Protein backbone atom coordinates (compact mmCIF):
# COMPACT_ATOMS: atom_id res chain seq x y z
CA UNK A 1 132.26 154.72 84.71
CA UNK A 2 130.19 151.87 85.02
CA UNK A 3 128.80 149.99 81.53
CA UNK A 4 125.61 148.42 81.77
CA UNK A 5 125.87 144.87 79.62
CA UNK A 6 123.61 143.45 77.26
CA UNK A 7 121.76 141.29 79.27
CA UNK A 8 119.48 138.45 77.81
CA UNK A 9 118.08 137.12 81.19
CA UNK A 10 118.70 137.42 85.17
CA UNK A 11 117.92 134.25 86.94
CA UNK A 12 117.49 134.26 90.92
CA UNK A 13 117.74 131.41 92.95
CA UNK A 14 116.23 131.20 96.61
CA UNK A 15 117.34 128.06 98.54
CA UNK A 16 116.14 128.01 102.00
CA UNK A 17 117.11 125.31 104.57
CA UNK A 18 115.18 124.26 107.33
CA UNK A 19 116.24 120.50 107.81
CA UNK A 20 119.56 119.09 107.39
CA UNK A 21 121.51 115.97 108.43
CA UNK A 22 118.46 114.31 110.47
CA UNK A 23 117.96 117.66 112.63
CA UNK A 24 115.82 120.42 112.19
CA UNK A 25 117.49 124.02 112.27
CA UNK A 26 116.63 126.67 114.94
CA UNK A 27 116.37 129.20 112.16
CA UNK A 28 116.19 128.73 108.32
CA UNK A 29 119.37 129.38 106.35
CA UNK A 30 118.45 131.20 103.03
CA UNK A 31 121.20 131.50 100.24
CA UNK A 32 120.40 133.47 97.24
CA UNK A 33 121.99 133.42 93.88
CA UNK A 34 121.45 136.20 91.42
CA UNK A 35 123.11 135.29 87.71
CA UNK A 36 123.09 137.66 84.72
CA UNK A 37 123.58 136.06 81.24
CA UNK A 38 125.38 138.93 79.53
CA UNK A 39 126.47 139.30 75.86
CA UNK A 40 130.37 138.99 75.56
CA UNK A 41 131.66 142.02 73.48
CA UNK A 42 134.82 139.95 72.87
CA UNK A 43 133.61 136.74 72.06
CA UNK A 44 135.66 135.18 69.32
CA UNK A 45 138.76 137.48 69.23
CA UNK A 46 141.92 138.53 71.48
CA UNK A 47 141.80 141.89 72.96
CA UNK A 48 144.28 143.09 75.01
CA UNK A 49 142.47 145.84 76.88
CA UNK A 50 139.79 144.44 79.16
CA UNK A 51 138.53 147.75 80.55
CA UNK A 52 135.21 147.52 79.28
CA UNK A 53 134.44 144.21 80.99
CA UNK A 54 135.56 146.11 84.09
CA UNK A 55 133.49 148.71 84.04
CA UNK A 56 130.73 145.80 83.23
CA UNK A 57 131.73 144.27 86.32
CA UNK A 58 130.92 147.59 88.44
CA UNK A 59 127.44 147.69 86.98
CA UNK A 60 126.59 144.04 87.62
CA UNK A 61 128.38 144.27 91.21
CA UNK A 62 125.75 146.90 92.39
CA UNK A 63 122.76 145.49 90.29
CA UNK A 64 122.72 142.01 91.17
CA UNK A 65 123.98 142.75 94.82
CA UNK A 66 120.61 144.70 95.34
CA UNK A 67 118.58 142.29 94.05
CA UNK A 68 119.90 139.67 96.43
CA UNK A 69 119.76 141.87 99.49
CA UNK A 70 116.11 142.35 98.87
CA UNK A 71 115.42 138.86 99.03
CA UNK A 72 117.75 138.65 102.41
CA UNK A 73 116.28 141.57 104.40
CA UNK A 74 119.62 142.84 104.51
CA UNK A 75 120.92 140.13 106.75
CA UNK A 76 124.06 138.88 105.01
CA UNK A 77 126.72 136.69 106.38
CA UNK A 78 128.45 135.13 103.40
CA UNK A 79 129.27 135.87 100.01
CA UNK A 80 130.87 134.77 96.80
CA UNK A 81 131.09 135.26 93.19
CA UNK A 82 131.57 133.44 89.89
CA UNK A 83 131.65 133.25 86.07
CA UNK A 84 130.86 130.92 83.63
CA UNK A 85 132.42 131.71 80.21
CA UNK A 86 130.71 130.66 76.70
CA UNK A 87 133.12 128.54 74.51
CA UNK A 88 133.97 131.71 72.22
CA UNK A 89 135.43 133.94 75.21
CA UNK A 90 138.31 133.01 77.66
CA UNK A 91 138.65 132.82 81.25
CA UNK A 92 140.36 136.14 81.41
CA UNK A 93 136.91 137.94 80.38
CA UNK A 94 135.32 136.37 83.44
CA UNK A 95 138.31 137.59 85.55
CA UNK A 96 138.10 141.23 84.02
CA UNK A 97 134.29 141.34 85.16
CA UNK A 98 134.82 139.78 88.76
CA UNK A 99 138.22 140.99 90.08
CA UNK A 100 138.67 144.84 89.53
CA UNK A 101 135.75 146.72 90.13
CA UNK A 102 132.77 144.43 90.89
CA UNK A 103 133.72 143.82 94.51
CA UNK A 104 133.30 147.70 95.94
CA UNK A 105 129.66 147.96 94.54
CA UNK A 106 128.82 144.65 95.92
CA UNK A 107 130.13 145.66 99.39
CA UNK A 108 128.35 148.69 98.99
CA UNK A 109 124.90 147.25 98.41
CA UNK A 110 125.27 144.92 101.38
CA UNK A 111 126.40 147.62 104.08
CA UNK A 112 130.23 146.09 104.14
CA UNK A 113 132.35 143.07 103.89
CA UNK A 114 135.99 143.25 104.83
CA UNK A 115 137.20 139.84 103.69
CA UNK A 116 138.08 138.62 100.17
CA UNK A 117 134.97 137.60 97.95
CA UNK A 118 135.75 133.92 97.21
CA UNK A 119 135.26 133.38 93.38
CA UNK A 120 135.51 130.82 90.72
CA UNK A 121 135.40 130.77 87.10
CA UNK A 122 135.44 128.22 84.25
CA UNK A 123 134.46 128.09 80.68
CA UNK A 124 131.84 125.77 79.18
CA UNK A 125 128.88 125.40 76.97
CA UNK A 126 125.08 125.94 77.96
CA UNK A 127 124.18 124.17 81.15
CA UNK A 128 127.73 124.13 82.71
CA UNK A 129 127.81 123.73 86.24
CA UNK A 130 129.98 126.23 88.69
CA UNK A 131 130.23 126.10 92.52
CA UNK A 132 130.51 129.40 93.72
CA UNK A 133 132.63 129.36 96.98
CA UNK A 134 131.00 131.15 100.11
CA UNK A 135 132.81 132.56 103.42
CA UNK A 136 131.78 135.01 106.30
CA UNK A 137 131.88 138.64 104.95
CA UNK A 138 134.11 139.99 107.42
CA UNK A 139 136.62 137.42 108.28
CA UNK A 140 137.61 134.59 105.41
CA UNK A 141 138.87 132.23 108.12
CA UNK A 142 135.56 132.01 109.87
CA UNK A 143 135.40 128.00 109.33
CA UNK A 144 131.55 127.47 110.27
CA UNK A 145 130.67 129.88 106.99
CA UNK A 146 132.46 127.77 104.39
CA UNK A 147 130.33 126.63 101.72
CA UNK A 148 129.24 126.96 98.22
CA UNK A 149 126.39 126.72 95.97
CA UNK A 150 125.83 125.61 92.61
CA UNK A 151 125.20 127.68 89.83
CA UNK A 152 123.53 125.91 86.66
CA UNK A 153 121.38 127.65 83.52
CA UNK A 154 120.17 125.20 81.03
CA UNK A 155 120.25 127.44 78.07
CA UNK A 156 123.53 129.68 79.04
CA UNK A 157 126.14 130.56 78.46
CA UNK A 158 125.58 130.25 74.79
CA UNK A 159 129.23 130.89 73.03
CA UNK A 160 129.23 134.40 72.92
CA UNK A 161 127.55 135.08 76.56
CA UNK A 162 129.32 135.07 79.99
CA UNK A 163 127.15 134.19 83.10
CA UNK A 164 128.00 136.13 86.04
CA UNK A 165 126.58 134.67 89.47
CA UNK A 166 126.61 136.65 92.83
CA UNK A 167 125.86 134.60 95.88
CA UNK A 168 124.80 135.62 99.45
CA UNK A 169 123.29 134.07 102.47
CA UNK A 170 122.28 134.74 105.72
CA UNK A 171 124.12 132.20 107.54
CA UNK A 172 126.91 129.58 107.33
CA UNK A 173 126.50 125.89 107.37
CA UNK A 174 123.83 123.88 108.90
CA UNK A 175 124.64 122.43 112.20
CA UNK A 176 128.63 123.36 111.94
CA UNK A 177 130.57 121.35 114.53
CA UNK A 178 134.19 120.79 113.34
CA UNK A 179 135.87 123.07 115.03
CA UNK A 180 138.08 126.23 114.29
CA UNK A 181 137.21 130.14 114.12
CA UNK A 182 133.46 131.28 114.76
CA UNK A 183 131.89 134.49 114.34
CA UNK A 184 131.85 134.98 118.06
CA UNK A 185 135.88 134.62 118.25
CA UNK A 186 136.68 136.90 115.08
CA UNK A 187 137.99 140.14 115.78
CA UNK A 188 136.84 141.20 112.08
CA UNK A 189 139.86 143.78 111.68
CA UNK A 190 142.02 142.64 109.07
CA UNK A 191 139.01 140.56 106.54
CA UNK A 192 141.06 137.17 107.57
CA UNK A 193 140.42 136.51 111.33
C-alpha cells in the first residue's frame, strides 16, 4: 500500500533545447524534471526495516510521473530517477525509495518502458547537485539517448529531508552522431537492445 510522504514542495523544471552545437534542431527536445522535497522519517537514526520508504517510492513514482507526462504530451523517449539525501539520512534511504516499488507506477504513468530506469543518489546539504542519468525507455543500449539532467534545489535537502527527482524527455541528445544502436535498429524485446 503506497504511503503519501510529507512533502515540503515539488519543483518542476522544463528544459527545451532548440539549438545546440552551432545547429538548429529539426524538432525541439524537451526534458522535464519533477523533484519532491520530502521529510525523511528515519533521519538521525538507524532503522533496519525500510519498507515505509519503499511505499513512499510507490506513491512518488505515480504522482511525480503524472506531472511530468502532462508537460510532454505523452511523448516520452527517455527516463531516469535520482535522490539527494540530507545529511541526517543515509544513502540506503534514497535507495529504498528509488528501487523496490517506484519503477512500476513510473512506467504505468507513461504507458510502458521495458528498460531499466537508470538512477543516481548521493548525500549532501541544501544546494547539492545531482546528475540524473537518462536512457531510452525500451532499450537501454540505444546510444543516441544516453544523457543526463542536473537537479539542484537551492534550499533542499535540509538535514532531515530527501529530494526525489524523476526526469523524462521526448528525445535523445541533440544531433547524435557517434554511432551505436539507434531506436530504428532496436528490437525492444528484452529492455536491452
